Amino acid sequence: MNRSNEQMNEESFIPGNQKVVRIINRAMILNLIRTKQPIPRTEIARITGLNKSTVSSIVSGLLQENLIYEQATSDQNVGRNPVSLFLRKNRFYAGAINVDPETTTLGVVDIDGTIIGTSSLRTEYAGPERFISRCTEEIKSLCQENRIDELEGIGFTIGGIVEDGNSIASYTPNGRWENFNVSRAIRSNWPGLKIVSAGNEAKSCALAELWFGGSEADLSSFVFVLVGPAISSGIVIDNRLLDGGSQASGEFGHITIVEGGEACECGNKGCWEKYSSDQATIKRYEGKSSSGKVSLNNKEITLQTIIDSAFLGEKTAINTLKETGYYMGLGITNIVRSIDPKAVILSGRITQAWDIIYPEMIKVVKERTSSGRERNIQILPSSLSEHSGLLGAATLVIKEIFDYYRITSE
């Protein structure tokens, strides 16, 4: 686990009673241990500005809860080695349900972002209550297989608009889960869960990248772009996820990149996802291929077979992917112009062809952004690779564990 770069300091807190202040201080210290481990108590006091007795008291409580542990660490200086604090693994776990159009991925994840076990089901849109029941039973099986007695909660992600406060899917592209209360359905199958949280898939992936991503880039402000059957995005500004007034931020897939272009289901023409999604790449290849089949062993066309063919040197596949890179660059240019992020992170199968698409993307961005801005923008593949969706769902729970765990017992 590498980071959340959240800037937390005592001056930013709103005054409140001692119980509230202690809860806030506790969350701050726990997150500091998570991001800076190994870290001694003295360093926590220095960074936070809290007095040593307050730090010691809160750390003692975290030790009693088994959220952290302490251990002597080596020091080059002469004398006794300092005692540092670490986040305890194999103690608290989150379940994850990531719903994609065809496949739903399920998993159990440690609070440090380690994936313990995964499985998958074919996504069913009819009868969401029944499908959620199947998902929870599958997660229970994963817990049994990995000898996990208890989950702190389950996170659920799906494309569309999800009301984070009450975990209701108010709009989904398939149209069959609208106004579906995800939390109620999960809790009816697993009543003892402390946390149930649902969110938009791309936004949750952005949150996972912020918490668990391994990139060395400065990701205090970035846009996460999830490329698949559609294109969706999550926006992080100053280490905070941007929801928008109606929780519909990040719909960059429906910005226009080709004036008067191909009609989109949203009613617009020339939308980004009509030219850069997986289906757009496949359709473009089919138009170039006389047989409608990839030449590699005459397989049915999928994005994976196109990528495989490109790696084997097939020119049609290479040119198709280069065109996708070009169109990706047009969309990213609009993101750079409107958000001015420090980085754009791409996730999806298309990133397997990074060496082919990246030169096309960066060329377009450099040509179409104002002088100087392109020198600062970074376009990177997600460090979470194919696990971004699953970790996004788990992070919805893990974030609550760190921010609010056992507030009622404080």
Foldseek 3Di string as FASTA:
>chain_A
DADQPAQDEPVPDDDDDPLVVLLQLLLVLLRCQLHPPFDALVVSCVRHVDDSVSSVVSVVVCVVVLQKDKDFDDDPDPDGGGIGIHGDWPPAKEWEWFDDQFKIKIFIAILSGHTQDIDMDTDDLPPVLVVLLVRLVVHVVSCVVRVNDDHQYFFYEAAAFADFVQGARCDHPVRRRHRPRSVVSNCVNVVPHNDYTYGYQQQLLLLLCSRNFDDPFPVLWEKEWEAALFIFIWTHHRSRTDQDPRRRPGVLQADALDVVAPADPVRDHRGLRCCQHQVNLLVQLCVVDPVCADPPVRDHDGSVSLLVVVVVPDPSSLVSLCSSLQSVLSSVLVVCVPPVTQEYEYADPSCVNVVRNVVNNLVSNVVRDDPPSSVRYYYYYTSCYPCSSRSSRRVSSSVCCSSPNPSVVD
